[in-house]
Amino acid sequence: MPIYEYRCNNCRKKVAVLILNRSDQAPVCSHCGSNELTRLFSRFAAPKSEEARLESMADPSKWGDVDEDNPASMAKFMKKMGKEFGDELGEDFEQEVESAVEEASKGEDGSPDTFPPDL
């Protein structure tokens, strides 16, 4: 049973649709209800259990050259981890990571050295 990905032409969000048989009705956007969808080409994915995903992320050899003091390096790492969780982290996850990188590069990350001395 294939799962096809579509982009809604109305709300521009990505939707995954399970196709049980070819004679089913046209797919509908789960966000806005529109049937104006464009099919996307997506990678083949083998389903993994949550335990297997967490286990693979716990392996430090999969982390690459992560420099926790470098916002760009951390952003790359977080995006990689985000892909492991797929849509579970929300559609705006990558935007949130980019926003955090911008704040960190400006010194607005809330780290202890940015607080007033009396705190």
PDB file of N, CA and C in Angstrom:
ATOM      1  N   MET A   1       0.840  -1.178   0.000  1.00  0.00           N
ATOM      2  CA  MET A   1       0.000   0.000   0.000  1.00  0.00           C
ATOM      3  C   MET A   1       0.887   1.244   0.000  1.00  0.00           C
ATOM      4  N   PRO A   2       0.981   1.905  -1.112  1.00  0.00           N
ATOM      5  CA  PRO A   2       1.861   3.072  -1.190  1.00  0.00           C
ATOM      6  C   PRO A   2       1.262   4.318  -0.541  1.00  0.00           C
ATOM      7  N   ILE A   3       2.159   5.119  -0.029  1.00  0.00           N
ATOM      8  CA  ILE A   3       1.790   6.431   0.493  1.00  0.00           C
ATOM      9  C   ILE A   3       2.376   7.450  -0.467  1.00  0.00           C
ATOM     10  N   TYR A   4       1.524   8.269  -1.048  1.00  0.00           N
ATOM     11  CA  TYR A   4       1.969   9.291  -1.987  1.00  0.00           C
ATOM     12  C   TYR A   4       1.957  10.648  -1.305  1.00  0.00           C
ATOM     13  N   GLU A   5       2.911  11.483  -1.703  1.00  0.00           N
ATOM     14  CA  GLU A   5       2.968  12.836  -1.167  1.00  0.00           C
ATOM     15  C   GLU A   5       2.483  13.813  -2.228  1.00  0.00           C
ATOM     16  N   TYR A   6       1.723  14.794  -1.769  1.00  0.00           N
ATOM     17  CA  TYR A   6       1.186  15.825  -2.645  1.00  0.00           C
ATOM     18  C   TYR A   6       1.438  17.190  -2.019  1.00  0.00           C
ATOM     19  N   ARG A   7       1.460  18.225  -2.857  1.00  0.00           N
ATOM     20  CA  ARG A   7       1.487  19.604  -2.377  1.00  0.00           C
ATOM     21  C   ARG A   7       0.146  20.197  -2.761  1.00  0.00           C
ATOM     22  N   CYS A   8      -0.519  20.798  -1.781  1.00  0.00           N
ATOM     23  CA  CYS A   8      -1.817  21.415  -2.018  1.00  0.00           C
ATOM     24  C   CYS A   8      -1.598  22.740  -2.751  1.00  0.00           C
ATOM     25  N   ASN A   9      -2.284  22.919  -3.869  1.00  0.00           N
ATOM     26  CA  ASN A   9      -2.168  24.162  -4.634  1.00  0.00           C
ATOM     27  C   ASN A   9      -2.911  25.308  -3.957  1.00  0.00           C
ATOM     28  N   ASN A  10      -3.771  24.989  -3.008  1.00  0.00           N
ATOM     29  CA  ASN A  10      -4.552  26.009  -2.313  1.00  0.00           C
ATOM     30  C   ASN A  10      -3.805  26.555  -1.096  1.00  0.00           C
ATOM     31  N   CYS A  11      -3.404  25.676  -0.168  1.00  0.00           N
ATOM     32  CA  CYS A  11      -2.751  26.129   1.070  1.00  0.00           C
ATOM     33  C   CYS A  11      -1.235  25.923   1.049  1.00  0.00           C
ATOM     34  N   ARG A  12      -0.696  25.283  -0.011  1.00  0.00           N
ATOM     35  CA  ARG A  12       0.743  25.074  -0.221  1.00  0.00           C
ATOM     36  C   ARG A  12       1.393  24.138   0.794  1.00  0.00           C
ATOM     37  N   LYS A  13       0.612  23.371   1.531  1.00  0.00           N
ATOM     38  CA  LYS A  13       1.169  22.435   2.505  1.00  0.00           C
ATOM     39  C   LYS A  13       1.349  21.065   1.864  1.00  0.00           C
ATOM     40  N   LYS A  14       2.279  20.295   2.432  1.00  0.00           N
ATOM     41  CA  LYS A  14       2.547  18.943   1.944  1.00  0.00           C
ATOM     42  C   LYS A  14       1.609  17.975   2.662  1.00  0.00           C
ATOM     43  N   VAL A  15       1.062  17.022   1.886  1.00  0.00           N
ATOM     44  CA  VAL A  15       0.115  16.054   2.422  1.00  0.00           C
ATOM     45  C   VAL A  15       0.537  14.651   1.996  1.00  0.00           C
ATOM     46  N   ALA A  16       0.462  13.694   2.912  1.00  0.00           N
ATOM     47  CA  ALA A  16       0.732  12.292   2.599  1.00  0.00           C
ATOM     48  C   ALA A  16      -0.603  11.558   2.540  1.00  0.00           C
ATOM     49  N   VAL A  17      -0.811  10.795   1.458  1.00  0.00           N
ATOM     50  CA  VAL A  17      -2.089  10.110   1.248  1.00  0.00           C
ATOM     51  C   VAL A  17      -1.828   8.625   1.015  1.00  0.00           C
ATOM     52  N   LEU A  18      -2.511   7.781   1.775  1.00  0.00           N
ATOM     53  CA  LEU A  18      -2.436   6.330   1.598  1.00  0.00           C
ATOM     54  C   LEU A  18      -3.406   5.941   0.488  1.00  0.00           C
ATOM     55  N   ILE A  19      -2.903   5.290  -0.541  1.00  0.00           N
ATOM     56  CA  ILE A  19      -3.730   4.865  -1.672  1.00  0.00           C
ATOM     57  C   ILE A  19      -3.968   3.363  -1.546  1.00  0.00           C
ATOM     58  N   LEU A  20      -5.215   2.988  -1.283  1.00  0.00           N
ATOM     59  CA  LEU A  20      -5.540   1.574  -1.111  1.00  0.00           C
ATOM     60  C   LEU A  20      -5.780   0.882  -2.442  1.00  0.00           C
ATOM     61  N   ASN A  21      -6.425   1.572  -3.380  1.00  0.00           N
ATOM     62  CA  ASN A  21      -6.552   1.017  -4.727  1.00  0.00           C
ATOM     63  C   ASN A  21      -6.729   2.175  -5.708  1.00  0.00           C
ATOM     64  N   ARG A  22      -6.365   1.915  -6.937  1.00  0.00           N
ATOM     65  CA  ARG A  22      -6.313   2.996  -7.930  1.00  0.00           C
ATOM     66  C   ARG A  22      -7.676   3.598  -8.247  1.00  0.00           C
ATOM     67  N   SER A  23      -8.745   2.900  -7.970  1.00  0.00           N
ATOM     68  CA  SER A  23     -10.066   3.419  -8.299  1.00  0.00           C
ATOM     69  C   SER A  23     -10.635   4.313  -7.196  1.00  0.00           C
ATOM     70  N   ASP A  24      -9.838   4.556  -6.141  1.00  0.00           N
ATOM     71  CA  ASP A  24     -10.292   5.463  -5.080  1.00  0.00           C
ATOM     72  C   ASP A  24     -10.499   6.862  -5.643  1.00  0.00           C
ATOM     73  N   GLN A  25     -11.248   7.660  -4.894  1.00  0.00           N
ATOM     74  CA  GLN A  25     -11.484   9.042  -5.298  1.00  0.00           C
ATOM     75  C   GLN A  25     -10.178   9.826  -5.291  1.00  0.00           C
ATOM     76  N   ALA A  26     -10.207  10.983  -5.920  1.00  0.00           N
ATOM     77  CA  ALA A  26      -9.027  11.854  -5.954  1.00  0.00           C
ATOM     78  C   ALA A  26      -8.648  12.249  -4.529  1.00  0.00           C
ATOM     79  N   PRO A  27      -7.360  12.349  -4.232  1.00  0.00           N
ATOM     80  CA  PRO A  27      -6.919  12.722  -2.885  1.00  0.00           C
ATOM     81  C   PRO A  27      -7.352  14.138  -2.523  1.00  0.00           C
ATOM     82  N   VAL A  28      -7.516  14.350  -1.216  1.00  0.00           N
ATOM     83  CA  VAL A  28      -7.973  15.639  -0.699  1.00  0.00           C
ATOM     84  C   VAL A  28      -6.979  16.123   0.346  1.00  0.00           C
ATOM     85  N   CYS A  29      -6.732  17.430   0.372  1.00  0.00           N
ATOM     86  CA  CYS A  29      -5.823  18.018   1.353  1.00  0.00           C
ATOM     87  C   CYS A  29      -6.408  17.865   2.753  1.00  0.00           C
ATOM     88  N   SER A  30      -5.617  17.323   3.665  1.00  0.00           N
ATOM     89  CA  SER A  30      -6.084  17.131   5.042  1.00  0.00           C
ATOM     90  C   SER A  30      -6.077  18.438   5.832  1.00  0.00           C
ATOM     91  N   HIS A  31      -5.457  19.491   5.286  1.00  0.00           N
ATOM     92  CA  HIS A  31      -5.393  20.774   5.991  1.00  0.00           C
ATOM     93  C   HIS A  31      -6.553  21.693   5.623  1.00  0.00           C
ATOM     94  N   CYS A  32      -6.846  21.805   4.306  1.00  0.00           N
ATOM     95  CA  CYS A  32      -7.879  22.765   3.889  1.00  0.00           C
ATOM     96  C   CYS A  32      -9.046  22.117   3.149  1.00  0.00           C
ATOM     97  N   GLY A  33      -8.935  20.823   2.807  1.00  0.00           N
ATOM     98  CA  GLY A  33     -10.027  20.124   2.143  1.00  0.00           C
ATOM     99  C   GLY A  33     -10.036  20.257   0.624  1.00  0.00           C
ATOM    100  N   SER A  34      -9.081  20.962   0.060  1.00  0.00           N
ATOM    101  CA  SER A  34      -9.021  21.162  -1.388  1.00  0.00           C
ATOM    102  C   SER A  34      -8.627  19.862  -2.091  1.00  0.00           C
ATOM    103  N   ASN A  35      -9.127  19.693  -3.320  1.00  0.00           N
ATOM    104  CA  ASN A  35      -8.703  18.535  -4.110  1.00  0.00           C
ATOM    105  C   ASN A  35      -7.737  18.959  -5.220  1.00  0.00           C
ATOM    106  N   GLU A  36      -7.247  20.183  -5.148  1.00  0.00           N
ATOM    107  CA  GLU A  36      -6.263  20.713  -6.099  1.00  0.00           C
ATOM    108  C   GLU A  36      -4.862  20.365  -5.603  1.00  0.00           C
ATOM    109  N   LEU A  37      -4.433  19.128  -5.829  1.00  0.00           N
ATOM    110  CA  LEU A  37      -3.144  18.652  -5.339  1.00  0.00           C
ATOM    111  C   LEU A  37      -2.215  18.304  -6.495  1.00  0.00           C
ATOM    112  N   THR A  38      -0.926  18.529  -6.284  1.00  0.00           N
ATOM    113  CA  THR A  38       0.104  18.150  -7.243  1.00  0.00           C
ATOM    114  C   THR A  38       0.954  17.063  -6.608  1.00  0.00           C
ATOM    115  N   ARG A  39       1.092  15.950  -7.318  1.00  0.00           N
ATOM    116  CA  ARG A  39       1.859  14.835  -6.765  1.00  0.00           C
ATOM    117  C   ARG A  39       3.348  15.170  -6.763  1.00  0.00           C
ATOM    118  N   LEU A  40       4.013  14.848  -5.650  1.00  0.00           N
ATOM    119  CA  LEU A  40       5.441  15.095  -5.491  1.00  0.00           C
ATOM    120  C   LEU A  40       6.204  13.788  -5.643  1.00  0.00           C
ATOM    121  N   PHE A  41       7.437  13.897  -6.072  1.00  0.00           N
ATOM    122  CA  PHE A  41       8.315  12.735  -6.087  1.00  0.00           C
ATOM    123  C   PHE A  41       8.996  12.683  -4.733  1.00  0.00           C
ATOM    124  N   SER A  42       8.884  11.572  -4.070  1.00  0.00           N
ATOM    125  CA  SER A  42       9.488  11.456  -2.743  1.00  0.00           C
ATOM    126  C   SER A  42      10.369  10.220  -2.695  1.00  0.00           C
ATOM    127  N   ARG A  43      11.236  10.220  -1.703  1.00  0.00           N
ATOM    128  CA  ARG A  43      12.141   9.089  -1.537  1.00  0.00           C
ATOM    129  C   ARG A  43      11.385   7.880  -1.014  1.00  0.00           C
ATOM    130  N   PHE A  44      11.925   6.723  -1.310  1.00  0.00           N
ATOM    131  CA  PHE A  44      11.389   5.497  -0.750  1.00  0.00           C
ATOM    132  C   PHE A  44      11.744   5.466   0.729  1.00  0.00           C
ATOM    133  N   ALA A  45      10.809   5.099   1.563  1.00  0.00           N
ATOM    134  CA  ALA A  45      11.070   5.052   3.002  1.00  0.00           C
ATOM    135  C   ALA A  45      10.641   3.703   3.560  1.00  0.00           C
ATOM    136  N   ALA A  46      11.547   3.076   4.271  1.00  0.00           N
ATOM    137  CA  ALA A  46      11.212   1.845   4.980  1.00  0.00           C
ATOM    138  C   ALA A  46      10.780   2.241   6.386  1.00  0.00           C
ATOM    139  N   PRO A  47       9.617   1.787   6.819  1.00  0.00           N
ATOM    140  CA  PRO A  47       9.144   2.182   8.148  1.00  0.00           C
ATOM    141  C   PRO A  47      10.082   1.700   9.252  1.00  0.00           C
ATOM    142  N   LYS A  48      10.343   2.577  10.217  1.00  0.00           N
ATOM    143  CA  LYS A  48      11.166   2.232  11.380  1.00  0.00           C
ATOM    144  C   LYS A  48      10.331   2.456  12.629  1.00  0.00           C
ATOM    145  N   SER A  49      10.574   1.644  13.612  1.00  0.00           N
ATOM    146  CA  SER A  49       9.894   1.863  14.881  1.00  0.00           C
ATOM    147  C   SER A  49      10.525   3.070  15.561  1.00  0.00           C
ATOM    148  N   GLU A  50       9.809   3.643  16.497  1.00  0.00           N
ATOM    149  CA  GLU A  50      10.349   4.787  17.235  1.00  0.00           C
ATOM    150  C   GLU A  50      11.620   4.378  17.972  1.00  0.00           C
ATOM    151  N   GLU A  51      11.624   3.170  18.494  1.00  0.00           N
ATOM    152  CA  GLU A  51      12.806   2.673  19.212  1.00  0.00           C
ATOM    153  C   GLU A  51      14.024   2.614  18.285  1.00  0.00           C
ATOM    154  N   ALA A  52      13.835   2.141  17.054  1.00  0.00           N
ATOM    155  CA  ALA A  52      14.945   2.054  16.100  1.00  0.00           C
ATOM    156  C   ALA A  52      15.455   3.444  15.729  1.00  0.00           C
ATOM    157  N   ARG A  53      14.542   4.408  15.587  1.00  0.00           N
ATOM    158  CA  ARG A  53      14.964   5.776  15.264  1.00  0.00           C
ATOM    159  C   ARG A  53      15.767   6.378  16.401  1.00  0.00           C
ATOM    160  N   LEU A  54      15.296   6.208  17.627  1.00  0.00           N
ATOM    161  CA  LEU A  54      16.009   6.758  18.780  1.00  0.00           C
ATOM    162  C   LEU A  54      17.366   6.089  18.953  1.00  0.00           C
ATOM    163  N   GLU A  55      17.410   4.787  18.692  1.00  0.00           N
ATOM    164  CA  GLU A  55      18.667   4.047  18.800  1.00  0.00           C
ATOM    165  C   GLU A  55      19.692   4.554  17.787  1.00  0.00           C
ATOM    166  N   SER A  56      19.249   4.806  16.564  1.00  0.00           N
ATOM    167  CA  SER A  56      20.183   5.293  15.543  1.00  0.00           C
ATOM    168  C   SER A  56      20.667   6.703  15.867  1.00  0.00           C
ATOM    169  N   MET A  57      19.828   7.515  16.490  1.00  0.00           N
ATOM    170  CA  MET A  57      20.235   8.875  16.857  1.00  0.00           C
ATOM    171  C   MET A  57      21.178   8.872  18.050  1.00  0.00           C
ATOM    172  N   ALA A  58      21.125   7.846  18.873  1.00  0.00           N
ATOM    173  CA  ALA A  58      21.985   7.780  20.055  1.00  0.00           C
ATOM    174  C   ALA A  58      23.424   7.415  19.700  1.00  0.00           C
ATOM    175  N   ASP A  59      23.647   6.944  18.483  1.00  0.00           N
ATOM    176  CA  ASP A  59      24.988   6.552  18.046  1.00  0.00           C
ATOM    177  C   ASP A  59      25.794   7.796  17.664  1.00  0.00           C
ATOM    178  N   PRO A  60      26.817   8.166  18.456  1.00  0.00           N
ATOM    179  CA  PRO A  60      27.597   9.379  18.181  1.00  0.00           C
ATOM    180  C   PRO A  60      28.281   9.385  16.813  1.00  0.00           C
ATOM    181  N   SER A  61      28.531   8.220  16.236  1.00  0.00           N
ATOM    182  CA  SER A  61      29.171   8.187  14.917  1.00  0.00           C
ATOM    183  C   SER A  61      28.252   8.754  13.836  1.00  0.00           C
ATOM    184  N   LYS A  62      26.952   8.793  14.087  1.00  0.00           N
ATOM    185  CA  LYS A  62      25.992   9.346  13.130  1.00  0.00           C
ATOM    186  C   LYS A  62      25.903  10.866  13.220  1.00  0.00           C
ATOM    187  N   TRP A  63      26.486  11.445  14.249  1.00  0.00           N
ATOM    188  CA  TRP A  63      26.367  12.885  14.462  1.00  0.00           C
ATOM    189  C   TRP A  63      27.256  13.688  13.539  1.00  0.00           C
ATOM    190  N   GLY A  64      28.318  13.097  13.033  1.00  0.00           N
ATOM    191  CA  GLY A  64      29.238  13.832  12.172  1.00  0.00           C
ATOM    192  C   GLY A  64      30.100  14.777  12.985  1.00  0.00           C
ATOM    193  N   ASP A  65      30.464  15.878  12.394  1.00  0.00           N
ATOM    194  CA  ASP A  65      31.336  16.862  13.039  1.00  0.00           C
ATOM    195  C   ASP A  65      30.497  17.954  13.685  1.00  0.00           C
ATOM    196  N   VAL A  66      29.775  17.639  14.727  1.00  0.00           N
ATOM    197  CA  VAL A  66      28.925  18.618  15.394  1.00  0.00           C
ATOM    198  C   VAL A  66      29.773  19.449  16.346  1.00  0.00           C
ATOM    199  N   ASP A  67      29.735  20.761  16.140  1.00  0.00           N
ATOM    200  CA  ASP A  67      30.408  21.698  17.032  1.00  0.00           C
ATOM    201  C   ASP A  67      29.320  22.446  17.783  1.00  0.00           C
ATOM    202  N   GLU A  68      29.126  22.108  19.044  1.00  0.00           N
ATOM    203  CA  GLU A  68      28.021  22.695  19.800  1.00  0.00           C
ATOM    204  C   GLU A  68      28.171  24.193  20.035  1.00  0.00           C
ATOM    205  N   ASP A  69      29.353  24.751  19.764  1.00  0.00           N
ATOM    206  CA  ASP A  69      29.561  26.189  19.906  1.00  0.00           C
ATOM    207  C   ASP A  69      29.328  26.937  18.595  1.00  0.00           C
ATOM    208  N   ASN A  70      29.044  26.209  17.533  1.00  0.00           N
ATOM    209  CA  ASN A  70      28.827  26.810  16.223  1.00  0.00           C
ATOM    210  C   ASN A  70      27.347  26.685  15.857  1.00  0.00           C
ATOM    211  N   PRO A  71      26.600  27.807  15.804  1.00  0.00           N
ATOM    212  CA  PRO A  71      25.163  27.737  15.499  1.00  0.00           C
ATOM    213  C   PRO A  71      24.851  27.054  14.166  1.00  0.00           C
ATOM    214  N   ALA A  72      25.675  27.280  13.141  1.00  0.00           N
ATOM    215  CA  ALA A  72      25.413  26.654  11.840  1.00  0.00           C
ATOM    216  C   ALA A  72      25.574  25.136  11.921  1.00  0.00           C
ATOM    217  N   SER A  73      26.572  24.677  12.670  1.00  0.00           N
ATOM    218  CA  SER A  73      26.792  23.246  12.847  1.00  0.00           C
ATOM    219  C   SER A  73      25.625  22.615  13.611  1.00  0.00           C
ATOM    220  N   MET A  74      25.160  23.307  14.644  1.00  0.00           N
ATOM    221  CA  MET A  74      24.027  22.796  15.422  1.00  0.00           C
ATOM    222  C   MET A  74      22.753  22.782  14.583  1.00  0.00           C
ATOM    223  N   ALA A  75      22.571  23.794  13.728  1.00  0.00           N
ATOM    224  CA  ALA A  75      21.388  23.835  12.864  1.00  0.00           C
ATOM    225  C   ALA A  75      21.385  22.644  11.914  1.00  0.00           C
ATOM    226  N   LYS A  76      22.537  22.346  11.335  1.00  0.00           N
ATOM    227  CA  LYS A  76      22.648  21.202  10.429  1.00  0.00           C
ATOM    228  C   LYS A  76      22.306  19.906  11.167  1.00  0.00           C
ATOM    229  N   PHE A  77      22.823  19.775  12.389  1.00  0.00           N
ATOM    230  CA  PHE A  77      22.549  18.593  13.204  1.00  0.00           C
ATOM    231  C   PHE A  77      21.053  18.488  13.536  1.00  0.00           C
ATOM    232  N   MET A  78      20.447  19.609  13.936  1.00  0.00           N
ATOM    233  CA  MET A  78      19.026  19.593  14.301  1.00  0.00           C
ATOM    234  C   MET A  78      18.143  19.257  13.096  1.00  0.00           C
ATOM    235  N   LYS A  79      18.497  19.767  11.925  1.00  0.00           N
ATOM    236  CA  LYS A  79      17.719  19.442  10.728  1.00  0.00           C
ATOM    237  C   LYS A  79      17.822  17.954  10.409  1.00  0.00           C
ATOM    238  N   LYS A  80      19.015  17.403  10.595  1.00  0.00           N
ATOM    239  CA  LYS A  80      19.205  15.965  10.363  1.00  0.00           C
ATOM    240  C   LYS A  80      18.346  15.161  11.338  1.00  0.00           C
ATOM    241  N   MET A  81      18.327  15.565  12.588  1.00  0.00           N
ATOM    242  CA  MET A  81      17.505  14.876  13.584  1.00  0.00           C
ATOM    243  C   MET A  81      16.019  15.074  13.276  1.00  0.00           C
ATOM    244  N   GLY A  82      15.675  16.260  12.800  1.00  0.00           N
ATOM    245  CA  GLY A  82      14.289  16.531  12.428  1.00  0.00           C
ATOM    246  C   GLY A  82      13.798  15.617  11.327  1.00  0.00           C
ATOM    247  N   LYS A  83      14.669  15.300  10.377  1.00  0.00           N
ATOM    248  CA  LYS A  83      14.291  14.395   9.293  1.00  0.00           C
ATOM    249  C   LYS A  83      14.029  12.989   9.811  1.00  0.00           C
ATOM    250  N   GLU A  84      14.711  12.598  10.884  1.00  0.00           N
ATOM    251  CA  GLU A  84      14.475  11.283  11.485  1.00  0.00           C
ATOM    252  C   GLU A  84      13.059  11.191  12.050  1.00  0.00           C
ATOM    253  N   PHE A  85      12.558  12.303  12.575  1.00  0.00           N
ATOM    254  CA  PHE A  85      11.226  12.304  13.169  1.00  0.00           C
ATOM    255  C   PHE A  85      10.140  12.667  12.171  1.00  0.00           C
ATOM    256  N   GLY A  86      10.504  13.148  11.004  1.00  0.00           N
ATOM    257  CA  GLY A  86       9.525  13.474   9.977  1.00  0.00           C
ATOM    258  C   GLY A  86       8.561  14.551  10.428  1.00  0.00           C
ATOM    259  N   ASP A  87       7.285  14.341  10.170  1.00  0.00           N
ATOM    260  CA  ASP A  87       6.261  15.338  10.458  1.00  0.00           C
ATOM    261  C   ASP A  87       5.917  15.447  11.937  1.00  0.00           C
ATOM    262  N   GLU A  88       6.455  14.567  12.778  1.00  0.00           N
ATOM    263  CA  GLU A  88       6.120  14.584  14.201  1.00  0.00           C
ATOM    264  C   GLU A  88       6.537  15.883  14.883  1.00  0.00           C
ATOM    265  N   LEU A  89       7.553  16.542  14.345  1.00  0.00           N
ATOM    266  CA  LEU A  89       8.044  17.777  14.960  1.00  0.00           C
ATOM    267  C   LEU A  89       7.305  19.006  14.449  1.00  0.00           C
ATOM    268  N   GLY A  90       6.431  18.832  13.509  1.00  0.00           N
ATOM    269  CA  GLY A  90       5.666  19.953  12.981  1.00  0.00           C
ATOM    270  C   GLY A  90       6.248  20.468  11.679  1.00  0.00           C
ATOM    271  N   GLU A  91       5.393  21.110  10.916  1.00  0.00           N
ATOM    272  CA  GLU A  91       5.796  21.589   9.597  1.00  0.00           C
ATOM    273  C   GLU A  91       6.770  22.751   9.665  1.00  0.00           C
ATOM    274  N   ASP A  92       6.743  23.507  10.745  1.00  0.00           N
ATOM    275  CA  ASP A  92       7.593  24.692  10.835  1.00  0.00           C
ATOM    276  C   ASP A  92       8.889  24.434  11.599  1.00  0.00           C
ATOM    277  N   PHE A  93       9.260  23.169  11.782  1.00  0.00           N
ATOM    278  CA  PHE A  93      10.459  22.833  12.551  1.00  0.00           C
ATOM    279  C   PHE A  93      11.712  23.485  11.975  1.00  0.00           C
ATOM    280  N   GLU A  94      11.910  23.366  10.655  1.00  0.00           N
ATOM    281  CA  GLU A  94      13.121  23.935  10.050  1.00  0.00           C
ATOM    282  C   GLU A  94      13.145  25.453  10.182  1.00  0.00           C
ATOM    283  N   GLN A  95      11.984  26.092  10.101  1.00  0.00           N
ATOM    284  CA  GLN A  95      11.929  27.549  10.290  1.00  0.00           C
ATOM    285  C   GLN A  95      12.325  27.910  11.714  1.00  0.00           C
ATOM    286  N   GLU A  96      11.890  27.114  12.672  1.00  0.00           N
ATOM    287  CA  GLU A  96      12.252  27.362  14.071  1.00  0.00           C
ATOM    288  C   GLU A  96      13.754  27.207  14.278  1.00  0.00           C
ATOM    289  N   VAL A  97      14.353  26.209  13.637  1.00  0.00           N
ATOM    290  CA  VAL A  97      15.802  26.009  13.739  1.00  0.00           C
ATOM    291  C   VAL A  97      16.527  27.215  13.154  1.00  0.00           C
ATOM    292  N   GLU A  98      16.091  27.675  11.977  1.00  0.00           N
ATOM    293  CA  GLU A  98      16.723  28.840  11.347  1.00  0.00           C
ATOM    294  C   GLU A  98      16.600  30.073  12.235  1.00  0.00           C
ATOM    295  N   SER A  99      15.437  30.250  12.839  1.00  0.00           N
ATOM    296  CA  SER A  99      15.217  31.384  13.741  1.00  0.00           C
ATOM    297  C   SER A  99      16.149  31.304  14.947  1.00  0.00           C
ATOM    298  N   ALA A 100      16.309  30.111  15.499  1.00  0.00           N
ATOM    299  CA  ALA A 100      17.196  29.926  16.651  1.00  0.00           C
ATOM    300  C   ALA A 100      18.646  30.215  16.275  1.00  0.00           C
ATOM    301  N   VAL A 101      19.050  29.833  15.061  1.00  0.00           N
ATOM    302  CA  VAL A 101      20.413  30.102  14.601  1.00  0.00           C
ATOM    303  C   VAL A 101      20.641  31.606  14.486  1.00  0.00           C
ATOM    304  N   GLU A 102      19.654  32.306  13.924  1.00  0.00           N
ATOM    305  CA  GLU A 102      19.780  33.764  13.798  1.00  0.00           C
ATOM    306  C   GLU A 102      19.900  34.418  15.167  1.00  0.00           C
ATOM    307  N   GLU A 103      19.061  33.988  16.108  1.00  0.00           N
ATOM    308  CA  GLU A 103      19.106  34.557  17.456  1.00  0.00           C
ATOM    309  C   GLU A 103      20.439  34.257  18.129  1.00  0.00           C
ATOM    310  N   ALA A 104      20.926  33.027  17.970  1.00  0.00           N
ATOM    311  CA  ALA A 104      22.194  32.648  18.596  1.00  0.00           C
ATOM    312  C   ALA A 104      23.354  33.438  18.006  1.00  0.00           C
ATOM    313  N   SER A 105      23.303  33.676  16.703  1.00  0.00           N
ATOM    314  CA  SER A 105      24.399  34.417  16.078  1.00  0.00           C
ATOM    315  C   SER A 105      24.388  35.888  16.479  1.00  0.00           C
ATOM    316  N   LYS A 106      23.224  36.388  16.917  1.00  0.00           N
ATOM    317  CA  LYS A 106      23.121  37.770  17.394  1.00  0.00           C
ATOM    318  C   LYS A 106      23.355  37.861  18.899  1.00  0.00           C
ATOM    319  N   GLY A 107      23.518  36.711  19.563  1.00  0.00           N
ATOM    320  CA  GLY A 107      23.698  36.706  21.012  1.00  0.00           C
ATOM    321  C   GLY A 107      22.391  36.796  21.765  1.00  0.00           C
ATOM    322  N   GLU A 108      21.280  36.443  21.105  1.00  0.00           N
ATOM    323  CA  GLU A 108      19.958  36.518  21.731  1.00  0.00           C
ATOM    324  C   GLU A 108      19.448  35.140  22.124  1.00  0.00           C
ATOM    325  N   ASP A 109      20.338  34.218  22.337  1.00  0.00           N
ATOM    326  CA  ASP A 109      19.927  32.836  22.584  1.00  0.00           C
ATOM    327  C   ASP A 109      19.508  32.562  24.018  1.00  0.00           C
ATOM    328  N   GLY A 110      19.603  33.558  24.885  1.00  0.00           N
ATOM    329  CA  GLY A 110      19.195  33.345  26.267  1.00  0.00           C
ATOM    330  C   GLY A 110      20.241  32.633  27.082  1.00  0.00           C
ATOM    331  N   SER A 111      21.469  32.523  26.573  1.00  0.00           N
ATOM    332  CA  SER A 111      22.515  31.864  27.341  1.00  0.00           C
ATOM    333  C   SER A 111      22.862  32.723  28.547  1.00  0.00           C
ATOM    334  N   PRO A 112      23.415  32.127  29.614  1.00  0.00           N
ATOM    335  CA  PRO A 112      23.661  32.854  30.856  1.00  0.00           C
ATOM    336  C   PRO A 112      24.456  34.141  30.678  1.00  0.00           C
ATOM    337  N   ASP A 113      25.388  34.198  29.715  1.00  0.00           N
ATOM    338  CA  ASP A 113      26.194  35.401  29.562  1.00  0.00           C
ATOM    339  C   ASP A 113      25.436  36.571  28.948  1.00  0.00           C
ATOM    340  N   THR A 114      24.186  36.351  28.491  1.00  0.00           N
ATOM    341  CA  THR A 114      23.410  37.456  27.943  1.00  0.00           C
ATOM    342  C   THR A 114      22.438  38.031  28.965  1.00  0.00           C
ATOM    343  N   PHE A 115      22.337  37.412  30.149  1.00  0.00           N
ATOM    344  CA  PHE A 115      21.451  37.932  31.178  1.00  0.00           C
ATOM    345  C   PHE A 115      22.142  39.050  31.952  1.00  0.00           C
ATOM    346  N   PRO A 116      21.372  39.959  32.526  1.00  0.00           N
ATOM    347  CA  PRO A 116      21.981  40.995  33.358  1.00  0.00           C
ATOM    348  C   PRO A 116      22.716  40.356  34.532  1.00  0.00           C
ATOM    349  N   PRO A 117      23.780  41.007  35.048  1.00  0.00           N
ATOM    350  CA  PRO A 117      24.599  40.423  36.115  1.00  0.00           C
ATOM    351  C   PRO A 117      23.831  40.126  37.400  1.00  0.00           C
ATOM    352  N   ASP A 118      22.742  40.829  37.665  1.00  0.00           N
ATOM    353  CA  ASP A 118      22.018  40.616  38.919  1.00  0.00           C
ATOM    354  C   ASP A 118      21.153  39.365  38.906  1.00  0.00           C
ATOM    355  N   LEU A 119      21.046  38.672  37.779  1.00  0.00           N
ATOM    356  CA  LEU A 119      20.224  37.450  37.736  1.00  0.00           C
ATOM    357  C   LEU A 119      21.050  36.292  38.037  1.00  0.00           C
TER     358      LEU A 119
END
